[in-house]
PDB file of all heavy atoms in Angstrom:
ATOM      1  N   PRO A   1      -0.825  13.697 -18.955  1.00  0.00           N
ATOM      2  CA  PRO A   1      -2.254  13.457 -19.001  1.00  0.00           C
ATOM      3  C   PRO A   1      -2.612  12.162 -19.689  1.00  0.00           C
ATOM      4  O   PRO A   1      -3.643  11.525 -19.348  1.00  0.00           O
ATOM      5  CB  PRO A   1      -2.778  14.669 -19.808  1.00  0.00           C
ATOM      6  CG  PRO A   1      -1.628  15.141 -20.609  1.00  0.00           C
ATOM      7  CD  PRO A   1      -0.416  14.880 -19.752  1.00  0.00           C
ATOM      8  N   ARG A   2      -1.812  11.743 -20.630  1.00  0.00           N
ATOM      9  CA  ARG A   2      -2.089  10.443 -21.324  1.00  0.00           C
ATOM     10  C   ARG A   2      -2.006   9.278 -20.335  1.00  0.00           C
ATOM     11  O   ARG A   2      -2.849   8.387 -20.374  1.00  0.00           O
ATOM     12  CB  ARG A   2      -1.120  10.235 -22.498  1.00  0.00           C
ATOM     13  CG  ARG A   2      -1.385   8.964 -23.278  1.00  0.00           C
ATOM     14  CD  ARG A   2      -0.441   8.844 -24.498  1.00  0.00           C
ATOM     15  NE  ARG A   2      -0.665   9.973 -25.377  1.00  0.00           N
ATOM     16  CZ  ARG A   2       0.051  10.132 -26.502  1.00  0.00           C
ATOM     17  NH1 ARG A   2       1.019   9.317 -26.820  1.00  0.00           N
ATOM     18  NH2 ARG A   2      -0.175  11.195 -27.292  1.00  0.00           N
ATOM     19  N   PHE A   3      -1.005   9.305 -19.498  1.00  0.00           N
ATOM     20  CA  PHE A   3      -0.820   8.201 -18.492  1.00  0.00           C
ATOM     21  C   PHE A   3      -1.983   8.209 -17.536  1.00  0.00           C
ATOM     22  O   PHE A   3      -2.497   7.162 -17.163  1.00  0.00           O
ATOM     23  CB  PHE A   3       0.477   8.349 -17.774  1.00  0.00           C
ATOM     24  CG  PHE A   3       0.942   7.179 -16.953  1.00  0.00           C
ATOM     25  CD1 PHE A   3       1.815   6.305 -17.502  1.00  0.00           C
ATOM     26  CD2 PHE A   3       0.392   6.941 -15.698  1.00  0.00           C
ATOM     27  CE1 PHE A   3       2.212   5.148 -16.772  1.00  0.00           C
ATOM     28  CE2 PHE A   3       0.718   5.801 -15.006  1.00  0.00           C
ATOM     29  CZ  PHE A   3       1.662   4.938 -15.531  1.00  0.00           C
ATOM     30  N   ALA A   4      -2.433   9.429 -17.129  1.00  0.00           N
ATOM     31  CA  ALA A   4      -3.538   9.570 -16.208  1.00  0.00           C
ATOM     32  C   ALA A   4      -4.820   8.971 -16.850  1.00  0.00           C
ATOM     33  O   ALA A   4      -5.595   8.288 -16.207  1.00  0.00           O
ATOM     34  CB  ALA A   4      -3.762  11.002 -15.796  1.00  0.00           C
ATOM     35  N   MET A   5      -4.989   9.257 -18.143  1.00  0.00           N
ATOM     36  CA  MET A   5      -6.142   8.770 -18.878  1.00  0.00           C
ATOM     37  C   MET A   5      -6.111   7.249 -18.951  1.00  0.00           C
ATOM     38  O   MET A   5      -7.127   6.557 -18.759  1.00  0.00           O
ATOM     39  CB  MET A   5      -6.237   9.371 -20.295  1.00  0.00           C
ATOM     40  CG  MET A   5      -7.440   8.898 -21.072  1.00  0.00           C
ATOM     41  SD  MET A   5      -7.352   9.386 -22.830  1.00  0.00           S
ATOM     42  CE  MET A   5      -5.979   8.383 -23.379  1.00  0.00           C
ATOM     43  N   VAL A   6      -4.925   6.681 -19.284  1.00  0.00           N
ATOM     44  CA  VAL A   6      -4.763   5.260 -19.397  1.00  0.00           C
ATOM     45  C   VAL A   6      -5.075   4.530 -18.101  1.00  0.00           C
ATOM     46  O   VAL A   6      -5.733   3.490 -18.066  1.00  0.00           O
ATOM     47  CB  VAL A   6      -3.361   4.913 -19.886  1.00  0.00           C
ATOM     48  CG1 VAL A   6      -3.142   3.393 -19.831  1.00  0.00           C
ATOM     49  CG2 VAL A   6      -3.146   5.384 -21.299  1.00  0.00           C
ATOM     50  N   SER A   7      -4.653   5.142 -16.973  1.00  0.00           N
ATOM     51  CA  SER A   7      -4.927   4.472 -15.640  1.00  0.00           C
ATOM     52  C   SER A   7      -6.417   4.421 -15.428  1.00  0.00           C
ATOM     53  O   SER A   7      -6.946   3.444 -14.885  1.00  0.00           O
ATOM     54  CB  SER A   7      -4.241   5.285 -14.566  1.00  0.00           C
ATOM     55  OG  SER A   7      -4.818   6.554 -14.355  1.00  0.00           O
ATOM     56  N   THR A   8      -7.165   5.492 -15.811  1.00  0.00           N
ATOM     57  CA  THR A   8      -8.582   5.519 -15.641  1.00  0.00           C
ATOM     58  C   THR A   8      -9.278   4.498 -16.567  1.00  0.00           C
ATOM     59  O   THR A   8     -10.151   3.740 -16.152  1.00  0.00           O
ATOM     60  CB  THR A   8      -9.167   6.943 -15.877  1.00  0.00           C
ATOM     61  OG1 THR A   8      -8.566   7.845 -14.990  1.00  0.00           O
ATOM     62  CG2 THR A   8     -10.688   6.959 -15.702  1.00  0.00           C
ATOM     63  N   VAL A   9      -8.847   4.510 -17.821  1.00  0.00           N
ATOM     64  CA  VAL A   9      -9.426   3.596 -18.827  1.00  0.00           C
ATOM     65  C   VAL A   9      -9.132   2.163 -18.480  1.00  0.00           C
ATOM     66  O   VAL A   9     -10.006   1.279 -18.612  1.00  0.00           O
ATOM     67  CB  VAL A   9      -8.875   3.901 -20.235  1.00  0.00           C
ATOM     68  CG1 VAL A   9      -9.334   2.883 -21.245  1.00  0.00           C
ATOM     69  CG2 VAL A   9      -9.375   5.283 -20.683  1.00  0.00           C
ATOM     70  N   ALA A  10      -7.944   1.843 -17.987  1.00  0.00           N
ATOM     71  CA  ALA A  10      -7.587   0.501 -17.597  1.00  0.00           C
ATOM     72  C   ALA A  10      -8.514  -0.043 -16.490  1.00  0.00           C
ATOM     73  O   ALA A  10      -9.004  -1.184 -16.569  1.00  0.00           O
ATOM     74  CB  ALA A  10      -6.165   0.473 -17.111  1.00  0.00           C
ATOM     75  N   GLY A  11      -8.804   0.799 -15.527  1.00  0.00           N
ATOM     76  CA  GLY A  11      -9.716   0.425 -14.481  1.00  0.00           C
ATOM     77  C   GLY A  11     -11.124   0.199 -15.023  1.00  0.00           C
ATOM     78  O   GLY A  11     -11.804  -0.770 -14.574  1.00  0.00           O
ATOM     79  N   ALA A  12     -11.575   1.080 -15.887  1.00  0.00           N
ATOM     80  CA  ALA A  12     -12.916   0.972 -16.469  1.00  0.00           C
ATOM     81  C   ALA A  12     -13.059  -0.319 -17.271  1.00  0.00           C
ATOM     82  O   ALA A  12     -14.069  -1.057 -17.188  1.00  0.00           O
ATOM     83  CB  ALA A  12     -13.229   2.169 -17.325  1.00  0.00           C
ATOM     84  N   VAL A  13     -12.055  -0.631 -18.081  1.00  0.00           N
ATOM     85  CA  VAL A  13     -12.078  -1.821 -18.910  1.00  0.00           C
ATOM     86  C   VAL A  13     -12.073  -3.089 -18.041  1.00  0.00           C
ATOM     87  O   VAL A  13     -12.835  -4.044 -18.286  1.00  0.00           O
ATOM     88  CB  VAL A  13     -10.891  -1.860 -19.880  1.00  0.00           C
ATOM     89  CG1 VAL A  13     -10.783  -3.234 -20.591  1.00  0.00           C
ATOM     90  CG2 VAL A  13     -11.024  -0.773 -20.926  1.00  0.00           C
ATOM     91  N   ALA A  14     -11.244  -3.095 -16.990  1.00  0.00           N
ATOM     92  CA  ALA A  14     -11.245  -4.168 -16.057  1.00  0.00           C
ATOM     93  C   ALA A  14     -12.617  -4.435 -15.416  1.00  0.00           C
ATOM     94  O   ALA A  14     -13.065  -5.553 -15.267  1.00  0.00           O
ATOM     95  CB  ALA A  14     -10.184  -3.932 -14.986  1.00  0.00           C
ATOM     96  N   ASN A  15     -13.291  -3.312 -15.071  1.00  0.00           N
ATOM     97  CA  ASN A  15     -14.592  -3.410 -14.443  1.00  0.00           C
ATOM     98  C   ASN A  15     -15.589  -3.998 -15.418  1.00  0.00           C
ATOM     99  O   ASN A  15     -16.418  -4.856 -15.072  1.00  0.00           O
ATOM    100  CB  ASN A  15     -15.049  -1.998 -14.037  1.00  0.00           C
ATOM    101  CG  ASN A  15     -16.144  -2.066 -13.019  1.00  0.00           C
ATOM    102  OD1 ASN A  15     -16.560  -3.160 -12.564  1.00  0.00           O
ATOM    103  ND2 ASN A  15     -16.621  -0.917 -12.558  1.00  0.00           N
ATOM    104  N   ILE A  16     -15.566  -3.553 -16.700  1.00  0.00           N
ATOM    105  CA  ILE A  16     -16.490  -4.079 -17.707  1.00  0.00           C
ATOM    106  C   ILE A  16     -16.297  -5.567 -17.923  1.00  0.00           C
ATOM    107  O   ILE A  16     -17.260  -6.324 -18.057  1.00  0.00           O
ATOM    108  CB  ILE A  16     -16.299  -3.309 -19.043  1.00  0.00           C
ATOM    109  CG1 ILE A  16     -16.743  -1.858 -18.865  1.00  0.00           C
ATOM    110  CG2 ILE A  16     -17.050  -3.964 -20.171  1.00  0.00           C
ATOM    111  CD1 ILE A  16     -16.386  -0.992 -20.051  1.00  0.00           C
ATOM    112  N   ILE A  17     -15.050  -6.008 -17.931  1.00  0.00           N
ATOM    113  CA  ILE A  17     -14.742  -7.405 -18.159  1.00  0.00           C
ATOM    114  C   ILE A  17     -15.135  -8.280 -16.961  1.00  0.00           C
ATOM    115  O   ILE A  17     -15.734  -9.391 -17.092  1.00  0.00           O
ATOM    116  CB  ILE A  17     -13.294  -7.627 -18.507  1.00  0.00           C
ATOM    117  CG1 ILE A  17     -12.949  -6.931 -19.826  1.00  0.00           C
ATOM    118  CG2 ILE A  17     -12.939  -9.111 -18.565  1.00  0.00           C
ATOM    119  CD1 ILE A  17     -11.473  -6.903 -20.147  1.00  0.00           C
ATOM    120  N   LEU A  18     -14.826  -7.788 -15.780  1.00  0.00           N
ATOM    121  CA  LEU A  18     -15.008  -8.568 -14.574  1.00  0.00           C
ATOM    122  C   LEU A  18     -16.435  -8.636 -14.060  1.00  0.00           C
ATOM    123  O   LEU A  18     -16.876  -9.613 -13.431  1.00  0.00           O
ATOM    124  CB  LEU A  18     -14.121  -8.067 -13.433  1.00  0.00           C
ATOM    125  CG  LEU A  18     -12.622  -8.272 -13.674  1.00  0.00           C
ATOM    126  CD1 LEU A  18     -11.832  -7.627 -12.570  1.00  0.00           C
ATOM    127  CD2 LEU A  18     -12.262  -9.774 -13.765  1.00  0.00           C
ATOM    128  N   ASP A  19     -17.238  -7.607 -14.314  1.00  0.00           N
ATOM    129  CA  ASP A  19     -18.609  -7.560 -13.848  1.00  0.00           C
ATOM    130  C   ASP A  19     -19.396  -8.817 -14.255  1.00  0.00           C
ATOM    131  O   ASP A  19     -19.928  -9.496 -13.383  1.00  0.00           O
ATOM    132  CB  ASP A  19     -19.324  -6.276 -14.357  1.00  0.00           C
ATOM    133  CG  ASP A  19     -19.391  -5.226 -13.287  1.00  0.00           C
ATOM    134  OD1 ASP A  19     -19.387  -5.601 -12.077  1.00  0.00           O
ATOM    135  OD2 ASP A  19     -19.477  -4.044 -13.598  1.00  0.00           O
ATOM    136  N   PRO A  20     -19.522  -9.165 -15.544  1.00  0.00           N
ATOM    137  CA  PRO A  20     -20.298 -10.372 -15.903  1.00  0.00           C
ATOM    138  C   PRO A  20     -19.677 -11.672 -15.399  1.00  0.00           C
ATOM    139  O   PRO A  20     -20.393 -12.602 -15.094  1.00  0.00           O
ATOM    140  CB  PRO A  20     -20.283 -10.310 -17.430  1.00  0.00           C
ATOM    141  CG  PRO A  20     -19.132  -9.452 -17.839  1.00  0.00           C
ATOM    142  CD  PRO A  20     -19.016  -8.453 -16.734  1.00  0.00           C
ATOM    143  N   ILE A  21     -18.308 -11.646 -15.257  1.00  0.00           N
ATOM    144  CA  ILE A  21     -17.666 -12.885 -14.779  1.00  0.00           C
ATOM    145  C   ILE A  21     -18.034 -13.125 -13.349  1.00  0.00           C
ATOM    146  O   ILE A  21     -18.449 -14.220 -12.911  1.00  0.00           O
ATOM    147  CB  ILE A  21     -16.164 -12.785 -14.942  1.00  0.00           C
ATOM    148  CG1 ILE A  21     -15.760 -12.717 -16.442  1.00  0.00           C
ATOM    149  CG2 ILE A  21     -15.416 -13.943 -14.268  1.00  0.00           C
ATOM    150  CD1 ILE A  21     -14.314 -12.508 -16.682  1.00  0.00           C
ATOM    151  N   PHE A  22     -17.871 -12.071 -12.511  1.00  0.00           N
ATOM    152  CA  PHE A  22     -18.124 -12.229 -11.063  1.00  0.00           C
ATOM    153  C   PHE A  22     -19.663 -12.414 -10.775  1.00  0.00           C
ATOM    154  O   PHE A  22     -19.991 -13.139  -9.846  1.00  0.00           O
ATOM    155  CB  PHE A  22     -17.596 -11.040 -10.303  1.00  0.00           C
ATOM    156  CG  PHE A  22     -16.109 -10.994 -10.228  1.00  0.00           C
ATOM    157  CD1 PHE A  22     -15.432  -9.868  -9.741  1.00  0.00           C
ATOM    158  CD2 PHE A  22     -15.310 -12.030 -10.629  1.00  0.00           C
ATOM    159  CE1 PHE A  22     -14.097  -9.800  -9.669  1.00  0.00           C
ATOM    160  CE2 PHE A  22     -13.937 -12.029 -10.597  1.00  0.00           C
ATOM    161  CZ  PHE A  22     -13.294 -10.896 -10.083  1.00  0.00           C
ATOM    162  N   ILE A  23     -20.503 -11.711 -11.540  1.00  0.00           N
ATOM    163  CA  ILE A  23     -21.910 -11.813 -11.277  1.00  0.00           C
ATOM    164  C   ILE A  23     -22.570 -13.088 -11.776  1.00  0.00           C
ATOM    165  O   ILE A  23     -23.284 -13.763 -11.043  1.00  0.00           O
ATOM    166  CB  ILE A  23     -22.635 -10.575 -11.909  1.00  0.00           C
ATOM    167  CG1 ILE A  23     -22.157  -9.269 -11.257  1.00  0.00           C
ATOM    168  CG2 ILE A  23     -24.174 -10.698 -11.770  1.00  0.00           C
ATOM    169  CD1 ILE A  23     -22.689  -8.032 -11.928  1.00  0.00           C
ATOM    170  N   PHE A  24     -22.238 -13.415 -13.036  1.00  0.00           N
ATOM    171  CA  PHE A  24     -22.957 -14.533 -13.647  1.00  0.00           C
ATOM    172  C   PHE A  24     -22.164 -15.885 -13.621  1.00  0.00           C
ATOM    173  O   PHE A  24     -22.758 -16.920 -13.409  1.00  0.00           O
ATOM    174  CB  PHE A  24     -23.318 -14.209 -15.084  1.00  0.00           C
ATOM    175  CG  PHE A  24     -24.197 -12.995 -15.235  1.00  0.00           C
ATOM    176  CD1 PHE A  24     -23.696 -11.812 -15.776  1.00  0.00           C
ATOM    177  CD2 PHE A  24     -25.481 -12.981 -14.736  1.00  0.00           C
ATOM    178  CE1 PHE A  24     -24.481 -10.692 -15.874  1.00  0.00           C
ATOM    179  CE2 PHE A  24     -26.287 -11.862 -14.805  1.00  0.00           C
ATOM    180  CZ  PHE A  24     -25.823 -10.730 -15.395  1.00  0.00           C
ATOM    181  N   VAL A  25     -20.875 -15.793 -13.862  1.00  0.00           N
ATOM    182  CA  VAL A  25     -20.061 -17.038 -13.828  1.00  0.00           C
ATOM    183  C   VAL A  25     -19.803 -17.534 -12.423  1.00  0.00           C
ATOM    184  O   VAL A  25     -20.073 -18.681 -12.106  1.00  0.00           O
ATOM    185  CB  VAL A  25     -18.724 -16.779 -14.612  1.00  0.00           C
ATOM    186  CG1 VAL A  25     -17.883 -18.103 -14.585  1.00  0.00           C
ATOM    187  CG2 VAL A  25     -18.998 -16.395 -16.055  1.00  0.00           C
ATOM    188  N   PHE A  26     -19.305 -16.624 -11.570  1.00  0.00           N
ATOM    189  CA  PHE A  26     -19.063 -16.999 -10.167  1.00  0.00           C
ATOM    190  C   PHE A  26     -20.327 -16.964  -9.342  1.00  0.00           C
ATOM    191  O   PHE A  26     -20.329 -17.422  -8.205  1.00  0.00           O
ATOM    192  CB  PHE A  26     -18.008 -16.115  -9.570  1.00  0.00           C
ATOM    193  CG  PHE A  26     -16.653 -16.246 -10.141  1.00  0.00           C
ATOM    194  CD1 PHE A  26     -15.631 -15.414  -9.710  1.00  0.00           C
ATOM    195  CD2 PHE A  26     -16.347 -17.271 -11.054  1.00  0.00           C
ATOM    196  CE1 PHE A  26     -14.325 -15.564 -10.240  1.00  0.00           C
ATOM    197  CE2 PHE A  26     -15.075 -17.390 -11.570  1.00  0.00           C
ATOM    198  CZ  PHE A  26     -14.031 -16.581 -11.136  1.00  0.00           C
ATOM    199  N   LYS A  27     -21.393 -16.334  -9.903  1.00  0.00           N
ATOM    200  CA  LYS A  27     -22.672 -16.186  -9.204  1.00  0.00           C
ATOM    201  C   LYS A  27     -22.560 -15.514  -7.819  1.00  0.00           C
ATOM    202  O   LYS A  27     -23.132 -15.928  -6.850  1.00  0.00           O
ATOM    203  CB  LYS A  27     -23.332 -17.630  -9.048  1.00  0.00           C
ATOM    204  CG  LYS A  27     -23.588 -18.299 -10.343  1.00  0.00           C
ATOM    205  CD  LYS A  27     -24.352 -19.615 -10.128  1.00  0.00           C
ATOM    206  CE  LYS A  27     -24.481 -20.376 -11.461  1.00  0.00           C
ATOM    207  NZ  LYS A  27     -25.177 -19.623 -12.510  1.00  0.00           N
ATOM    208  N   TRP A  28     -21.792 -14.440  -7.827  1.00  0.00           N
ATOM    209  CA  TRP A  28     -21.628 -13.660  -6.608  1.00  0.00           C
ATOM    210  C   TRP A  28     -22.633 -12.540  -6.438  1.00  0.00           C
ATOM    211  O   TRP A  28     -22.671 -11.882  -5.384  1.00  0.00           O
ATOM    212  CB  TRP A  28     -20.203 -13.038  -6.629  1.00  0.00           C
ATOM    213  CG  TRP A  28     -19.130 -14.041  -6.330  1.00  0.00           C
ATOM    214  CD1 TRP A  28     -19.277 -15.353  -5.961  1.00  0.00           C
ATOM    215  CD2 TRP A  28     -17.729 -13.830  -6.408  1.00  0.00           C
ATOM    216  NE1 TRP A  28     -18.089 -15.962  -5.806  1.00  0.00           N
ATOM    217  CE2 TRP A  28     -17.111 -15.065  -6.054  1.00  0.00           C
ATOM    218  CE3 TRP A  28     -16.948 -12.707  -6.701  1.00  0.00           C
ATOM    219  CZ2 TRP A  28     -15.717 -15.177  -6.031  1.00  0.00           C
ATOM    220  CZ3 TRP A  28     -15.541 -12.837  -6.677  1.00  0.00           C
ATOM    221  CH2 TRP A  28     -14.944 -14.059  -6.338  1.00  0.00           C
ATOM    222  N   GLY A  29     -23.465 -12.318  -7.452  1.00  0.00           N
ATOM    223  CA  GLY A  29     -24.518 -11.322  -7.354  1.00  0.00           C
ATOM    224  C   GLY A  29     -23.989  -9.927  -7.122  1.00  0.00           C
ATOM    225  O   GLY A  29     -23.036  -9.502  -7.758  1.00  0.00           O
ATOM    226  N   MET A  30     -24.628  -9.226  -6.167  1.00  0.00           N
ATOM    227  CA  MET A  30     -24.242  -7.842  -5.841  1.00  0.00           C
ATOM    228  C   MET A  30     -22.823  -7.788  -5.315  1.00  0.00           C
ATOM    229  O   MET A  30     -22.048  -6.802  -5.638  1.00  0.00           O
ATOM    230  CB  MET A  30     -25.184  -7.238  -4.810  1.00  0.00           C
ATOM    231  CG  MET A  30     -26.623  -7.084  -5.304  1.00  0.00           C
ATOM    232  SD  MET A  30     -26.707  -6.016  -6.774  1.00  0.00           S
ATOM    233  CE  MET A  30     -26.233  -4.437  -6.087  1.00  0.00           C
ATOM    234  N   MET A  31     -22.379  -8.803  -4.575  1.00  0.00           N
ATOM    235  CA  MET A  31     -20.998  -8.816  -4.116  1.00  0.00           C
ATOM    236  C   MET A  31     -20.063  -8.877  -5.309  1.00  0.00           C
ATOM    237  O   MET A  31     -19.007  -8.217  -5.312  1.00  0.00           O
ATOM    238  CB  MET A  31     -20.767 -10.035  -3.251  1.00  0.00           C
ATOM    239  CG  MET A  31     -19.382 -10.099  -2.653  1.00  0.00           C
ATOM    240  SD  MET A  31     -19.005 -11.635  -1.800  1.00  0.00           S
ATOM    241  CE  MET A  31     -18.636 -12.729  -3.206  1.00  0.00           C
ATOM    242  N   GLY A  32     -20.411  -9.598  -6.359  1.00  0.00           N
ATOM    243  CA  GLY A  32     -19.583  -9.712  -7.542  1.00  0.00           C
ATOM    244  C   GLY A  32     -19.423  -8.376  -8.212  1.00  0.00           C
ATOM    245  O   GLY A  32     -18.322  -8.007  -8.652  1.00  0.00           O
ATOM    246  N   ALA A  33     -20.535  -7.618  -8.319  1.00  0.00           N
ATOM    247  CA  ALA A  33     -20.454  -6.290  -8.914  1.00  0.00           C
ATOM    248  C   ALA A  33     -19.553  -5.355  -8.101  1.00  0.00           C
ATOM    249  O   ALA A  33     -18.752  -4.598  -8.702  1.00  0.00           O
ATOM    250  CB  ALA A  33     -21.852  -5.690  -9.018  1.00  0.00           C
ATOM    251  N   ALA A  34     -19.674  -5.423  -6.806  1.00  0.00           N
ATOM    252  CA  ALA A  34     -18.819  -4.572  -5.953  1.00  0.00           C
ATOM    253  C   ALA A  34     -17.355  -4.988  -6.009  1.00  0.00           C
ATOM    254  O   ALA A  34     -16.490  -4.139  -6.135  1.00  0.00           O
ATOM    255  CB  ALA A  34     -19.314  -4.662  -4.520  1.00  0.00           C
ATOM    256  N   VAL A  35     -17.093  -6.277  -5.962  1.00  0.00           N
ATOM    257  CA  VAL A  35     -15.707  -6.753  -6.018  1.00  0.00           C
ATOM    258  C   VAL A  35     -15.049  -6.405  -7.340  1.00  0.00           C
ATOM    259  O   VAL A  35     -13.859  -6.037  -7.395  1.00  0.00           O
ATOM    260  CB  VAL A  35     -15.655  -8.262  -5.723  1.00  0.00           C
ATOM    261  CG1 VAL A  35     -14.217  -8.857  -5.975  1.00  0.00           C
ATOM    262  CG2 VAL A  35     -16.056  -8.599  -4.289  1.00  0.00           C
ATOM    263  N   ALA A  36     -15.790  -6.532  -8.432  1.00  0.00           N
ATOM    264  CA  ALA A  36     -15.303  -6.138  -9.742  1.00  0.00           C
ATOM    265  C   ALA A  36     -14.896  -4.652  -9.774  1.00  0.00           C
ATOM    266  O   ALA A  36     -13.860  -4.253 -10.299  1.00  0.00           O
ATOM    267  CB  ALA A  36     -16.319  -6.443 -10.809  1.00  0.00           C
ATOM    268  N   THR A  37     -15.747  -3.857  -9.161  1.00  0.00           N
ATOM    269  CA  THR A  37     -15.443  -2.404  -9.034  1.00  0.00           C
ATOM    270  C   THR A  37     -14.164  -2.132  -8.233  1.00  0.00           C
ATOM    271  O   THR A  37     -13.288  -1.351  -8.625  1.00  0.00           O
ATOM    272  CB  THR A  37     -16.584  -1.635  -8.448  1.00  0.00           C
ATOM    273  OG1 THR A  37     -17.755  -1.786  -9.254  1.00  0.00           O
ATOM    274  CG2 THR A  37     -16.305  -0.132  -8.323  1.00  0.00           C
ATOM    275  N   ILE A  38     -14.067  -2.839  -7.072  1.00  0.00           N
ATOM    276  CA  ILE A  38     -12.906  -2.664  -6.232  1.00  0.00           C
ATOM    277  C   ILE A  38     -11.609  -3.137  -6.954  1.00  0.00           C
ATOM    278  O   ILE A  38     -10.570  -2.459  -6.884  1.00  0.00           O
ATOM    279  CB  ILE A  38     -13.062  -3.516  -4.935  1.00  0.00           C
ATOM    280  CG1 ILE A  38     -14.206  -2.867  -4.127  1.00  0.00           C
ATOM    281  CG2 ILE A  38     -11.785  -3.476  -4.115  1.00  0.00           C
ATOM    282  CD1 ILE A  38     -14.558  -3.779  -2.889  1.00  0.00           C
ATOM    283  N   PHE A  39     -11.703  -4.230  -7.675  1.00  0.00           N
ATOM    284  CA  PHE A  39     -10.549  -4.740  -8.391  1.00  0.00           C
ATOM    285  C   PHE A  39     -10.124  -3.743  -9.486  1.00  0.00           C
ATOM    286  O   PHE A  39      -8.902  -3.485  -9.673  1.00  0.00           O
ATOM    287  CB  PHE A  39     -10.871  -6.080  -9.072  1.00  0.00           C
ATOM    288  CG  PHE A  39      -9.728  -6.769  -9.659  1.00  0.00           C
ATOM    289  CD1 PHE A  39      -8.940  -7.635  -8.872  1.00  0.00           C
ATOM    290  CD2 PHE A  39      -9.313  -6.539 -11.006  1.00  0.00           C
ATOM    291  CE1 PHE A  39      -7.825  -8.301  -9.451  1.00  0.00           C
ATOM    292  CE2 PHE A  39      -8.240  -7.178 -11.548  1.00  0.00           C
ATOM    293  CZ  PHE A  39      -7.484  -8.030 -10.764  1.00  0.00           C
ATOM    294  N   SER A  40     -11.107  -3.155 -10.198  1.00  0.00           N
ATOM    295  CA  SER A  40     -10.776  -2.185 -11.211  1.00  0.00           C
ATOM    296  C   SER A  40     -10.099  -0.951 -10.608  1.00  0.00           C
ATOM    297  O   SER A  40      -9.193  -0.373 -11.174  1.00  0.00           O
ATOM    298  CB  SER A  40     -12.009  -1.791 -11.972  1.00  0.00           C
ATOM    299  OG  SER A  40     -12.943  -1.038 -11.191  1.00  0.00           O
TER     300      SER A  40
END
């Protein structure tokens, strides 16, 4: 269960980090939010 939890948390953390980068830095807007989610 710990490994399963880590896999979920890893994706969530990646999403939190990438969302502002893709949306505001790359200026991808809604596409950036979606791509960040897919990447996570």
